[in-house]
């Protein structure tokens, strides 16, 4: 058809790589760390070792092994059209819904892990996740304004599936991953390592 390199379209789960890179950029800045717990960002998150939610780390959230395996069928604010929420409130709903598996023991593909990461990044910086992506990834790579986190809203973004982008902009992103020239080499190594080889799927 008339689809071109500059056609702006929803990219669904291809959003996850944009989000992971944004988190890595914040880690590179020292704003976050792979072994951070959400309890360091939210005063309502358990830090009691007897509560398994206290064991969740940024690394587990990035590798979908956090144990928060719920989806939009259970928590309405995870739906792409869910505007009547904000990132932290939705994360609190995920937290209250509880773990499906022990942290670090099971791989489960889904958006809840990254929703928590998005809220953590916003809490750490005071900036919206879309702004974090634009300033840490899109602008340094020379992406167009067509690439941004569009759904569900600025207050309740969907970092696991809410981006709009173009083929040209995604190519710039992929080239950055090949060049490994945006953040520290060890963070690329962490991105490209298999974190699920020894967990259940």
C-alpha atoms as a PDB file:
ATOM      1  CA  UNK A   1       0.000   0.000   0.000  1.00  0.00           C
ATOM      2  CA  UNK A   2       1.093   3.538   0.748  1.00  0.00           C
ATOM      3  CA  UNK A   3       3.081   2.635   3.898  1.00  0.00           C
ATOM      4  CA  UNK A   4       6.432   4.431   3.873  1.00  0.00           C
ATOM      5  CA  UNK A   5       9.556   4.657   6.015  1.00  0.00           C
ATOM      6  CA  UNK A   6       8.074   7.750   7.636  1.00  0.00           C
ATOM      7  CA  UNK A   7       4.570   6.433   8.267  1.00  0.00           C
ATOM      8  CA  UNK A   8       3.789   6.886  11.974  1.00  0.00           C
ATOM      9  CA  UNK A   9       1.975   3.861  13.392  1.00  0.00           C
ATOM     10  CA  UNK A  10       1.355   2.245  16.791  1.00  0.00           C
ATOM     11  CA  UNK A  11       4.164  -0.262  17.340  1.00  0.00           C
ATOM     12  CA  UNK A  12       2.574  -2.304  20.155  1.00  0.00           C
ATOM     13  CA  UNK A  13       5.116  -4.553  21.883  1.00  0.00           C
ATOM     14  CA  UNK A  14       8.005  -3.139  19.881  1.00  0.00           C
ATOM     15  CA  UNK A  15       7.597  -0.370  22.467  1.00  0.00           C
ATOM     16  CA  UNK A  16       9.285  -2.601  25.024  1.00  0.00           C
ATOM     17  CA  UNK A  17      12.741  -2.079  23.524  1.00  0.00           C
ATOM     18  CA  UNK A  18      12.307   1.706  23.625  1.00  0.00           C
ATOM     19  CA  UNK A  19      11.306   1.458  27.271  1.00  0.00           C
ATOM     20  CA  UNK A  20      14.172  -0.862  28.208  1.00  0.00           C
ATOM     21  CA  UNK A  21      16.666   1.508  26.567  1.00  0.00           C
ATOM     22  CA  UNK A  22      15.193   4.478  28.428  1.00  0.00           C
ATOM     23  CA  UNK A  23      15.669   2.649  31.722  1.00  0.00           C
ATOM     24  CA  UNK A  24      19.228   1.742  30.728  1.00  0.00           C
ATOM     25  CA  UNK A  25      19.945   5.390  29.963  1.00  0.00           C
ATOM     26  CA  UNK A  26      18.763   6.335  33.461  1.00  0.00           C
ATOM     27  CA  UNK A  27      20.942   3.595  34.919  1.00  0.00           C
ATOM     28  CA  UNK A  28      23.878   4.965  32.914  1.00  0.00           C
ATOM     29  CA  UNK A  29      23.223   8.377  34.512  1.00  0.00           C
ATOM     30  CA  UNK A  30      23.193   6.839  37.994  1.00  0.00           C
ATOM     31  CA  UNK A  31      19.517   7.724  38.516  1.00  0.00           C
ATOM     32  CA  UNK A  32      18.522   4.051  38.764  1.00  0.00           C
ATOM     33  CA  UNK A  33      20.350   0.732  39.190  1.00  0.00           C
ATOM     34  CA  UNK A  34      19.661  -2.818  38.047  1.00  0.00           C
ATOM     35  CA  UNK A  35      19.456  -4.089  41.638  1.00  0.00           C
ATOM     36  CA  UNK A  36      17.165  -1.310  42.875  1.00  0.00           C
ATOM     37  CA  UNK A  37      13.904  -2.284  44.572  1.00  0.00           C
ATOM     38  CA  UNK A  38      10.692  -0.361  43.897  1.00  0.00           C
ATOM     39  CA  UNK A  39      10.661   0.262  47.663  1.00  0.00           C
ATOM     40  CA  UNK A  40      13.426   2.812  47.042  1.00  0.00           C
ATOM     41  CA  UNK A  41      10.980   4.834  44.914  1.00  0.00           C
ATOM     42  CA  UNK A  42       7.600   4.300  46.601  1.00  0.00           C
ATOM     43  CA  UNK A  43       7.046   4.620  50.338  1.00  0.00           C
ATOM     44  CA  UNK A  44       4.087   2.225  50.121  1.00  0.00           C
ATOM     45  CA  UNK A  45       6.123  -0.638  48.612  1.00  0.00           C
ATOM     46  CA  UNK A  46       7.076  -3.377  51.070  1.00  0.00           C
ATOM     47  CA  UNK A  47      10.674  -3.496  52.280  1.00  0.00           C
ATOM     48  CA  UNK A  48      10.016  -6.323  54.754  1.00  0.00           C
ATOM     49  CA  UNK A  49      12.134  -9.338  53.698  1.00  0.00           C
ATOM     50  CA  UNK A  50       9.197 -11.576  54.625  1.00  0.00           C
ATOM     51  CA  UNK A  51       7.138  -9.993  51.844  1.00  0.00           C
ATOM     52  CA  UNK A  52       8.376 -11.431  48.525  1.00  0.00           C
ATOM     53  CA  UNK A  53       7.454  -8.184  46.749  1.00  0.00           C
ATOM     54  CA  UNK A  54      10.438  -6.620  48.533  1.00  0.00           C
ATOM     55  CA  UNK A  55      12.740  -8.914  46.510  1.00  0.00           C
ATOM     56  CA  UNK A  56      11.716  -7.497  43.121  1.00  0.00           C
ATOM     57  CA  UNK A  57      14.472  -5.594  41.299  1.00  0.00           C
ATOM     58  CA  UNK A  58      14.814  -3.468  38.186  1.00  0.00           C
ATOM     59  CA  UNK A  59      16.644  -6.363  36.524  1.00  0.00           C
ATOM     60  CA  UNK A  60      13.729  -8.729  37.204  1.00  0.00           C
ATOM     61  CA  UNK A  61      11.239  -6.202  35.859  1.00  0.00           C
ATOM     62  CA  UNK A  62      13.291  -5.759  32.678  1.00  0.00           C
ATOM     63  CA  UNK A  63      13.534  -9.518  32.146  1.00  0.00           C
ATOM     64  CA  UNK A  64       9.838 -10.193  32.944  1.00  0.00           C
ATOM     65  CA  UNK A  65      10.773 -12.377  35.915  1.00  0.00           C
ATOM     66  CA  UNK A  66       9.418 -10.100  38.658  1.00  0.00           C
ATOM     67  CA  UNK A  67       6.417 -12.313  39.424  1.00  0.00           C
ATOM     68  CA  UNK A  68       3.929  -9.560  38.574  1.00  0.00           C
ATOM     69  CA  UNK A  69       2.319 -11.564  35.813  1.00  0.00           C
ATOM     70  CA  UNK A  70      -1.098  -9.942  35.768  1.00  0.00           C
ATOM     71  CA  UNK A  71      -2.526  -8.435  32.589  1.00  0.00           C
ATOM     72  CA  UNK A  72      -5.184  -6.009  31.383  1.00  0.00           C
ATOM     73  CA  UNK A  73      -7.943  -8.580  31.844  1.00  0.00           C
ATOM     74  CA  UNK A  74      -7.375  -8.348  35.619  1.00  0.00           C
ATOM     75  CA  UNK A  75      -6.275  -4.728  36.051  1.00  0.00           C
ATOM     76  CA  UNK A  76      -8.164  -2.233  33.931  1.00  0.00           C
ATOM     77  CA  UNK A  77      -5.556   0.546  34.108  1.00  0.00           C
ATOM     78  CA  UNK A  78      -3.205  -1.653  32.056  1.00  0.00           C
ATOM     79  CA  UNK A  79      -5.500  -1.369  29.026  1.00  0.00           C
ATOM     80  CA  UNK A  80      -4.299   0.899  26.232  1.00  0.00           C
ATOM     81  CA  UNK A  81      -7.393   3.090  26.525  1.00  0.00           C
ATOM     82  CA  UNK A  82      -7.218   3.496  30.296  1.00  0.00           C
ATOM     83  CA  UNK A  83      -7.017   7.248  30.815  1.00  0.00           C
ATOM     84  CA  UNK A  84      -8.668   7.479  34.243  1.00  0.00           C
ATOM     85  CA  UNK A  85      -5.531   6.596  36.151  1.00  0.00           C
ATOM     86  CA  UNK A  86      -1.935   7.665  36.545  1.00  0.00           C
ATOM     87  CA  UNK A  87       1.246   5.657  36.369  1.00  0.00           C
ATOM     88  CA  UNK A  88       1.852   5.366  40.111  1.00  0.00           C
ATOM     89  CA  UNK A  89      -1.789   4.568  40.915  1.00  0.00           C
ATOM     90  CA  UNK A  90      -1.791   1.828  38.295  1.00  0.00           C
ATOM     91  CA  UNK A  91       1.468   0.488  39.687  1.00  0.00           C
ATOM     92  CA  UNK A  92      -0.133   0.450  43.142  1.00  0.00           C
ATOM     93  CA  UNK A  93      -3.005  -1.598  41.683  1.00  0.00           C
ATOM     94  CA  UNK A  94      -0.501  -4.078  40.224  1.00  0.00           C
ATOM     95  CA  UNK A  95       1.227  -4.245  43.600  1.00  0.00           C
ATOM     96  CA  UNK A  96      -2.033  -4.816  45.475  1.00  0.00           C
ATOM     97  CA  UNK A  97      -3.027  -7.570  43.060  1.00  0.00           C
ATOM     98  CA  UNK A  98       0.072  -9.427  44.191  1.00  0.00           C
ATOM     99  CA  UNK A  99       2.605 -11.821  42.747  1.00  0.00           C
ATOM    100  CA  UNK A 100       1.737 -14.844  40.624  1.00  0.00           C
ATOM    101  CA  UNK A 101       5.171 -16.422  41.085  1.00  0.00           C
ATOM    102  CA  UNK A 102       8.166 -15.853  43.324  1.00  0.00           C
ATOM    103  CA  UNK A 103      10.436 -13.058  42.060  1.00  0.00           C
ATOM    104  CA  UNK A 104      13.214 -14.296  39.799  1.00  0.00           C
ATOM    105  CA  UNK A 105      11.779 -17.793  39.293  1.00  0.00           C
ATOM    106  CA  UNK A 106       9.458 -17.526  36.297  1.00  0.00           C
ATOM    107  CA  UNK A 107       9.392 -15.715  32.948  1.00  0.00           C
ATOM    108  CA  UNK A 108       5.992 -14.267  32.077  1.00  0.00           C
ATOM    109  CA  UNK A 109       5.569 -11.968  29.089  1.00  0.00           C
ATOM    110  CA  UNK A 110       3.355  -9.007  29.860  1.00  0.00           C
ATOM    111  CA  UNK A 111       3.045  -5.289  30.430  1.00  0.00           C
ATOM    112  CA  UNK A 112       2.849  -5.063  34.221  1.00  0.00           C
ATOM    113  CA  UNK A 113       6.623  -5.353  34.695  1.00  0.00           C
ATOM    114  CA  UNK A 114       7.289  -2.341  32.485  1.00  0.00           C
ATOM    115  CA  UNK A 115       4.415  -0.336  33.912  1.00  0.00           C
ATOM    116  CA  UNK A 116       6.163  -0.552  37.269  1.00  0.00           C
ATOM    117  CA  UNK A 117       9.466   0.496  35.662  1.00  0.00           C
ATOM    118  CA  UNK A 118       7.813   3.502  34.056  1.00  0.00           C
ATOM    119  CA  UNK A 119       6.407   4.653  37.381  1.00  0.00           C
ATOM    120  CA  UNK A 120       9.778   4.158  39.074  1.00  0.00           C
ATOM    121  CA  UNK A 121      11.507   6.253  36.418  1.00  0.00           C
ATOM    122  CA  UNK A 122       8.944   9.026  36.815  1.00  0.00           C
ATOM    123  CA  UNK A 123       9.273   8.942  40.611  1.00  0.00           C
ATOM    124  CA  UNK A 124      13.070   9.113  40.360  1.00  0.00           C
ATOM    125  CA  UNK A 125      13.146  12.076  37.987  1.00  0.00           C
ATOM    126  CA  UNK A 126       9.882  13.987  38.335  1.00  0.00           C
ATOM    127  CA  UNK A 127       9.509  13.789  34.546  1.00  0.00           C
ATOM    128  CA  UNK A 128       6.924  11.971  32.448  1.00  0.00           C
ATOM    129  CA  UNK A 129       8.073   8.757  30.827  1.00  0.00           C
ATOM    130  CA  UNK A 130       7.476  10.219  27.378  1.00  0.00           C
ATOM    131  CA  UNK A 131       9.815  13.112  28.229  1.00  0.00           C
ATOM    132  CA  UNK A 132      12.411  10.671  29.562  1.00  0.00           C
ATOM    133  CA  UNK A 133      12.277   8.706  26.319  1.00  0.00           C
ATOM    134  CA  UNK A 134      12.440  11.812  24.125  1.00  0.00           C
ATOM    135  CA  UNK A 135      15.390  13.368  25.994  1.00  0.00           C
ATOM    136  CA  UNK A 136      17.394  10.176  26.636  1.00  0.00           C
ATOM    137  CA  UNK A 137      16.758   8.188  23.441  1.00  0.00           C
ATOM    138  CA  UNK A 138      14.819   9.945  20.669  1.00  0.00           C
ATOM    139  CA  UNK A 139      16.576  13.304  20.589  1.00  0.00           C
ATOM    140  CA  UNK A 140      20.158  11.992  20.955  1.00  0.00           C
ATOM    141  CA  UNK A 141      19.485   9.602  18.063  1.00  0.00           C
ATOM    142  CA  UNK A 142      17.867  12.255  15.871  1.00  0.00           C
ATOM    143  CA  UNK A 143      14.437  10.621  15.791  1.00  0.00           C
ATOM    144  CA  UNK A 144      11.510  12.605  14.438  1.00  0.00           C
ATOM    145  CA  UNK A 145       8.723  14.055  16.562  1.00  0.00           C
ATOM    146  CA  UNK A 146       6.494  11.272  15.189  1.00  0.00           C
ATOM    147  CA  UNK A 147       7.998   8.846  17.707  1.00  0.00           C
ATOM    148  CA  UNK A 148       6.557   9.235  21.188  1.00  0.00           C
ATOM    149  CA  UNK A 149       4.623   7.438  23.919  1.00  0.00           C
ATOM    150  CA  UNK A 150       1.059   8.115  22.833  1.00  0.00           C
ATOM    151  CA  UNK A 151      -1.188   5.687  24.755  1.00  0.00           C
ATOM    152  CA  UNK A 152      -3.085   5.747  27.039  1.00  0.00           C
ATOM    153  CA  UNK A 153      -2.292   9.240  28.273  1.00  0.00           C
ATOM    154  CA  UNK A 154       0.547  11.388  29.586  1.00  0.00           C
ATOM    155  CA  UNK A 155      -0.520  10.509  33.141  1.00  0.00           C
ATOM    156  CA  UNK A 156      -0.981   6.785  32.523  1.00  0.00           C
ATOM    157  CA  UNK A 157       1.431   5.822  29.735  1.00  0.00           C
ATOM    158  CA  UNK A 158       1.720   2.244  28.565  1.00  0.00           C
ATOM    159  CA  UNK A 159       5.508   1.790  28.287  1.00  0.00           C
ATOM    160  CA  UNK A 160       5.125  -1.851  27.261  1.00  0.00           C
ATOM    161  CA  UNK A 161       2.925  -1.146  24.258  1.00  0.00           C
ATOM    162  CA  UNK A 162       1.954   2.490  23.875  1.00  0.00           C
ATOM    163  CA  UNK A 163       4.492   3.983  21.463  1.00  0.00           C
ATOM    164  CA  UNK A 164       3.914   5.380  17.998  1.00  0.00           C
ATOM    165  CA  UNK A 165       6.950   5.334  15.718  1.00  0.00           C
ATOM    166  CA  UNK A 166       8.226   5.114  12.155  1.00  0.00           C
ATOM    167  CA  UNK A 167      10.422   2.612  10.372  1.00  0.00           C
ATOM    168  CA  UNK A 168      13.062   5.316   9.869  1.00  0.00           C
ATOM    169  CA  UNK A 169      13.159   6.145  13.566  1.00  0.00           C
ATOM    170  CA  UNK A 170      13.235   2.499  14.603  1.00  0.00           C
ATOM    171  CA  UNK A 171      16.148   1.960  12.221  1.00  0.00           C
ATOM    172  CA  UNK A 172      18.073   4.721  14.027  1.00  0.00           C
ATOM    173  CA  UNK A 173      17.364   2.931  17.297  1.00  0.00           C
ATOM    174  CA  UNK A 174      18.494  -0.455  15.962  1.00  0.00           C
ATOM    175  CA  UNK A 175      21.677   1.107  14.591  1.00  0.00           C
ATOM    176  CA  UNK A 176      22.405   2.501  18.052  1.00  0.00           C
ATOM    177  CA  UNK A 177      22.100  -1.000  19.499  1.00  0.00           C
ATOM    178  CA  UNK A 178      24.542  -2.290  16.879  1.00  0.00           C
ATOM    179  CA  UNK A 179      26.966   0.592  17.473  1.00  0.00           C
ATOM    180  CA  UNK A 180      26.596   0.421  21.271  1.00  0.00           C
ATOM    181  CA  UNK A 181      27.319   4.132  21.449  1.00  0.00           C
ATOM    182  CA  UNK A 182      24.623   5.654  23.671  1.00  0.00           C
ATOM    183  CA  UNK A 183      25.448   4.278  27.114  1.00  0.00           C
ATOM    184  CA  UNK A 184      28.109   2.205  28.882  1.00  0.00           C
ATOM    185  CA  UNK A 185      29.240  -1.093  27.293  1.00  0.00           C
ATOM    186  CA  UNK A 186      28.308  -3.141  30.354  1.00  0.00           C
ATOM    187  CA  UNK A 187      24.701  -2.020  30.020  1.00  0.00           C
ATOM    188  CA  UNK A 188      24.560  -3.296  26.441  1.00  0.00           C
ATOM    189  CA  UNK A 189      26.002  -6.565  27.712  1.00  0.00           C
ATOM    190  CA  UNK A 190      23.228  -6.717  30.291  1.00  0.00           C
ATOM    191  CA  UNK A 191      20.618  -5.993  27.598  1.00  0.00           C
ATOM    192  CA  UNK A 192      21.886  -8.712  25.298  1.00  0.00           C
ATOM    193  CA  UNK A 193      22.341 -11.396  27.981  1.00  0.00           C
ATOM    194  CA  UNK A 194      19.848 -14.203  28.541  1.00  0.00           C
ATOM    195  CA  UNK A 195      18.314 -13.593  31.973  1.00  0.00           C
ATOM    196  CA  UNK A 196      15.736 -16.388  31.672  1.00  0.00           C
ATOM    197  CA  UNK A 197      17.844 -19.459  30.912  1.00  0.00           C
ATOM    198  CA  UNK A 198      17.432 -20.890  34.414  1.00  0.00           C
ATOM    199  CA  UNK A 199      13.854 -19.890  35.201  1.00  0.00           C
ATOM    200  CA  UNK A 200      10.514 -21.486  34.359  1.00  0.00           C
ATOM    201  CA  UNK A 201       8.628 -20.244  31.307  1.00  0.00           C
END
